[in-house]
Amino acid sequence: MASRTDQLIEPLGFTYNPEGRRDPFVSMVGRGATLRGSAEAKRPTGLAGLGVAEVTLRGTVRSREGYVAILQGADKRAYIVRAGDKLFDGTIRAVSQNDVVILQQVNDPLSLEKQREVRKVLRQTEAN
């Protein structure tokens, strides 16, 4: 009886080949959130898992090789970084006495620029 039911559902000789097309029966609403959620789950731990928007500059220290920065992440932990260290979506380009310059990778397909400089400033100057 089961073979009779299978024959009724899918006729003999019929196969569906999607060839890269999306499944018309899968809802497109909310798919971006699930894709971002899966990317969040694949993030490494520590500094390499933090995005540029998730870190703030807490201090700079002068060492023998130059300045190093103390960044605080969204996880409330402090990280000591130097030029060349990598974040999830960027790389530390330069550390100076009052700021850190980060080269951020832009993942927006509509954006013409693929990288941008983000400057994290230690102290904001007050305008009077």
C-alpha atoms as a PDB file:
ATOM      1  CA  MET A   1       0.000   0.000   0.000  1.00  0.00           C
ATOM      2  CA  ALA A   2       2.909   2.390   0.730  1.00  0.00           C
ATOM      3  CA  SER A   3       4.322   1.965  -2.772  1.00  0.00           C
ATOM      4  CA  ARG A   4       0.925   2.839  -4.241  1.00  0.00           C
ATOM      5  CA  THR A   5       0.861   6.070  -2.158  1.00  0.00           C
ATOM      6  CA  ASP A   6       4.389   7.016  -3.311  1.00  0.00           C
ATOM      7  CA  GLN A   7       3.360   6.574  -6.928  1.00  0.00           C
ATOM      8  CA  LEU A   8       0.420   8.909  -6.437  1.00  0.00           C
ATOM      9  CA  ILE A   9       2.533  11.651  -4.833  1.00  0.00           C
ATOM     10  CA  GLU A  10       5.461  11.578  -7.266  1.00  0.00           C
ATOM     11  CA  PRO A  11       4.782  10.307 -10.797  1.00  0.00           C
ATOM     12  CA  LEU A  12       7.303   7.974 -12.350  1.00  0.00           C
ATOM     13  CA  GLY A  13      10.114   9.662 -14.254  1.00  0.00           C
ATOM     14  CA  PHE A  14       9.664  13.097 -12.593  1.00  0.00           C
ATOM     15  CA  THR A  15      12.575  14.737 -10.792  1.00  0.00           C
ATOM     16  CA  TYR A  16      12.967  18.329  -9.661  1.00  0.00           C
ATOM     17  CA  ASN A  17      16.335  20.001 -10.239  1.00  0.00           C
ATOM     18  CA  PRO A  18      16.515  23.430  -8.529  1.00  0.00           C
ATOM     19  CA  GLU A  19      19.793  24.472 -10.290  1.00  0.00           C
ATOM     20  CA  GLY A  20      20.636  27.173  -7.762  1.00  0.00           C
ATOM     21  CA  ARG A  21      17.126  28.630  -7.515  1.00  0.00           C
ATOM     22  CA  ARG A  22      15.601  29.272  -4.129  1.00  0.00           C
ATOM     23  CA  ASP A  23      12.939  26.944  -2.744  1.00  0.00           C
ATOM     24  CA  PRO A  24       9.563  28.656  -3.369  1.00  0.00           C
ATOM     25  CA  PHE A  25       8.087  27.010  -0.273  1.00  0.00           C
ATOM     26  CA  VAL A  26      10.641  28.491   2.164  1.00  0.00           C
ATOM     27  CA  SER A  27       9.583  31.827   3.642  1.00  0.00           C
ATOM     28  CA  MET A  28      11.914  34.741   2.869  1.00  0.00           C
ATOM     29  CA  VAL A  29      10.651  36.722   5.877  1.00  0.00           C
ATOM     30  CA  GLY A  30      13.175  36.647   8.728  1.00  0.00           C
ATOM     31  CA  ARG A  31      15.804  34.736   6.771  1.00  0.00           C
ATOM     32  CA  GLY A  32      18.375  37.494   7.291  1.00  0.00           C
ATOM     33  CA  ALA A  33      18.043  37.174  11.054  1.00  0.00           C
ATOM     34  CA  THR A  34      18.677  33.433  10.928  1.00  0.00           C
ATOM     35  CA  LEU A  35      21.675  33.900   8.678  1.00  0.00           C
ATOM     36  CA  ARG A  36      23.118  36.531  11.004  1.00  0.00           C
ATOM     37  CA  GLY A  37      22.385  34.285  13.952  1.00  0.00           C
ATOM     38  CA  SER A  38      24.346  31.444  12.397  1.00  0.00           C
ATOM     39  CA  ALA A  39      27.256  33.815  11.708  1.00  0.00           C
ATOM     40  CA  GLU A  40      27.122  34.929  15.335  1.00  0.00           C
ATOM     41  CA  ALA A  41      27.373  31.309  16.448  1.00  0.00           C
ATOM     42  CA  LYS A  42      30.502  30.786  14.301  1.00  0.00           C
ATOM     43  CA  ARG A  43      32.399  33.752  15.761  1.00  0.00           C
ATOM     44  CA  PRO A  44      35.645  32.910  17.506  1.00  0.00           C
ATOM     45  CA  THR A  45      36.096  33.798  21.152  1.00  0.00           C
ATOM     46  CA  GLY A  46      38.144  36.710  22.412  1.00  0.00           C
ATOM     47  CA  LEU A  47      39.288  39.714  20.414  1.00  0.00           C
ATOM     48  CA  ALA A  48      38.939  37.929  17.061  1.00  0.00           C
ATOM     49  CA  GLY A  49      35.206  37.521  17.707  1.00  0.00           C
ATOM     50  CA  LEU A  50      34.496  41.193  18.458  1.00  0.00           C
ATOM     51  CA  GLY A  51      33.293  43.606  15.799  1.00  0.00           C
ATOM     52  CA  VAL A  52      34.562  47.156  15.394  1.00  0.00           C
ATOM     53  CA  ALA A  53      31.283  48.574  16.710  1.00  0.00           C
ATOM     54  CA  GLU A  54      31.519  46.378  19.815  1.00  0.00           C
ATOM     55  CA  VAL A  55      34.802  47.756  21.181  1.00  0.00           C
ATOM     56  CA  THR A  56      35.637  51.021  22.921  1.00  0.00           C
ATOM     57  CA  LEU A  57      39.027  52.562  23.592  1.00  0.00           C
ATOM     58  CA  ARG A  58      39.793  52.701  27.310  1.00  0.00           C
ATOM     59  CA  GLY A  59      43.443  53.709  27.266  1.00  0.00           C
ATOM     60  CA  THR A  60      46.801  53.752  25.526  1.00  0.00           C
ATOM     61  CA  VAL A  61      50.236  52.862  26.861  1.00  0.00           C
ATOM     62  CA  ARG A  62      53.623  53.639  25.380  1.00  0.00           C
ATOM     63  CA  SER A  63      55.870  50.601  25.065  1.00  0.00           C
ATOM     64  CA  ARG A  64      59.327  50.094  23.579  1.00  0.00           C
ATOM     65  CA  GLU A  65      57.858  49.230  20.182  1.00  0.00           C
ATOM     66  CA  GLY A  66      55.340  52.095  20.195  1.00  0.00           C
ATOM     67  CA  TYR A  67      51.844  52.589  21.550  1.00  0.00           C
ATOM     68  CA  VAL A  68      49.511  49.772  22.538  1.00  0.00           C
ATOM     69  CA  ALA A  69      45.798  50.253  23.150  1.00  0.00           C
ATOM     70  CA  ILE A  70      43.468  48.887  25.781  1.00  0.00           C
ATOM     71  CA  LEU A  71      40.105  48.058  24.216  1.00  0.00           C
ATOM     72  CA  GLN A  72      37.012  47.014  26.123  1.00  0.00           C
ATOM     73  CA  GLY A  73      34.689  44.626  24.333  1.00  0.00           C
ATOM     74  CA  ALA A  74      30.964  44.044  24.585  1.00  0.00           C
ATOM     75  CA  ASP A  75      31.827  41.172  26.919  1.00  0.00           C
ATOM     76  CA  LYS A  76      33.237  43.772  29.399  1.00  0.00           C
ATOM     77  CA  ARG A  77      36.745  42.288  29.109  1.00  0.00           C
ATOM     78  CA  ALA A  78      39.861  44.342  28.417  1.00  0.00           C
ATOM     79  CA  TYR A  79      42.139  43.515  25.478  1.00  0.00           C
ATOM     80  CA  ILE A  80      45.609  44.864  24.784  1.00  0.00           C
ATOM     81  CA  VAL A  81      46.090  45.413  21.041  1.00  0.00           C
ATOM     82  CA  ARG A  82      48.853  46.547  18.720  1.00  0.00           C
ATOM     83  CA  ALA A  83      48.894  47.594  15.087  1.00  0.00           C
ATOM     84  CA  GLY A  84      48.183  44.534  12.957  1.00  0.00           C
ATOM     85  CA  ASP A  85      45.910  42.733  15.453  1.00  0.00           C
ATOM     86  CA  LYS A  86      42.652  41.465  13.943  1.00  0.00           C
ATOM     87  CA  LEU A  87      39.069  41.885  15.038  1.00  0.00           C
ATOM     88  CA  PHE A  88      36.084  40.029  13.569  1.00  0.00           C
ATOM     89  CA  ASP A  89      35.455  42.617  10.855  1.00  0.00           C
ATOM     90  CA  GLY A  90      38.604  44.726  10.887  1.00  0.00           C
ATOM     91  CA  THR A  91      42.300  45.150  11.565  1.00  0.00           C
ATOM     92  CA  ILE A  92      44.064  47.580  13.904  1.00  0.00           C
ATOM     93  CA  ARG A  93      45.929  49.912  11.554  1.00  0.00           C
ATOM     94  CA  ALA A  94      47.562  52.349  13.989  1.00  0.00           C
ATOM     95  CA  VAL A  95      47.678  53.197  17.682  1.00  0.00           C
ATOM     96  CA  SER A  96      48.646  56.687  18.838  1.00  0.00           C
ATOM     97  CA  GLN A  97      48.562  58.532  22.138  1.00  0.00           C
ATOM     98  CA  ASN A  98      44.896  59.539  21.885  1.00  0.00           C
ATOM     99  CA  ASP A  99      43.257  57.216  19.366  1.00  0.00           C
ATOM    100  CA  VAL A 100      43.157  53.917  17.500  1.00  0.00           C
ATOM    101  CA  VAL A 101      42.570  53.630  13.760  1.00  0.00           C
ATOM    102  CA  ILE A 102      40.832  50.436  12.629  1.00  0.00           C
ATOM    103  CA  LEU A 103      40.451  49.373   8.991  1.00  0.00           C
ATOM    104  CA  GLN A 104      36.943  47.876   8.900  1.00  0.00           C
ATOM    105  CA  GLN A 105      35.730  45.493   6.203  1.00  0.00           C
ATOM    106  CA  VAL A 106      32.358  46.655   4.817  1.00  0.00           C
ATOM    107  CA  ASN A 107      30.046  43.715   4.112  1.00  0.00           C
ATOM    108  CA  ASP A 108      27.269  45.722   2.461  1.00  0.00           C
ATOM    109  CA  PRO A 109      26.801  44.529  -1.138  1.00  0.00           C
ATOM    110  CA  LEU A 110      25.299  47.897  -2.107  1.00  0.00           C
ATOM    111  CA  SER A 111      28.261  49.898  -0.812  1.00  0.00           C
ATOM    112  CA  LEU A 112      30.911  51.015  -3.279  1.00  0.00           C
ATOM    113  CA  GLU A 113      33.626  51.036  -0.631  1.00  0.00           C
ATOM    114  CA  LYS A 114      34.787  47.674   0.714  1.00  0.00           C
ATOM    115  CA  GLN A 115      36.902  49.089   3.550  1.00  0.00           C
ATOM    116  CA  ARG A 116      36.688  52.158   5.750  1.00  0.00           C
ATOM    117  CA  GLU A 117      38.749  53.687   8.506  1.00  0.00           C
ATOM    118  CA  VAL A 118      37.142  53.896  11.928  1.00  0.00           C
ATOM    119  CA  ARG A 119      38.795  56.076  14.543  1.00  0.00           C
ATOM    120  CA  LYS A 120      38.198  55.294  18.211  1.00  0.00           C
ATOM    121  CA  VAL A 121      39.142  58.356  20.273  1.00  0.00           C
ATOM    122  CA  LEU A 122      40.274  58.170  23.891  1.00  0.00           C
ATOM    123  CA  ARG A 123      38.861  61.529  24.975  1.00  0.00           C
ATOM    124  CA  GLN A 124      36.175  63.508  23.209  1.00  0.00           C
ATOM    125  CA  THR A 125      36.974  67.214  23.169  1.00  0.00           C
ATOM    126  CA  GLU A 126      34.219  69.323  24.609  1.00  0.00           C
ATOM    127  CA  ALA A 127      32.940  72.129  22.403  1.00  0.00           C
ATOM    128  CA  ASN A 128      32.077  75.263  24.371  1.00  0.00           C
END
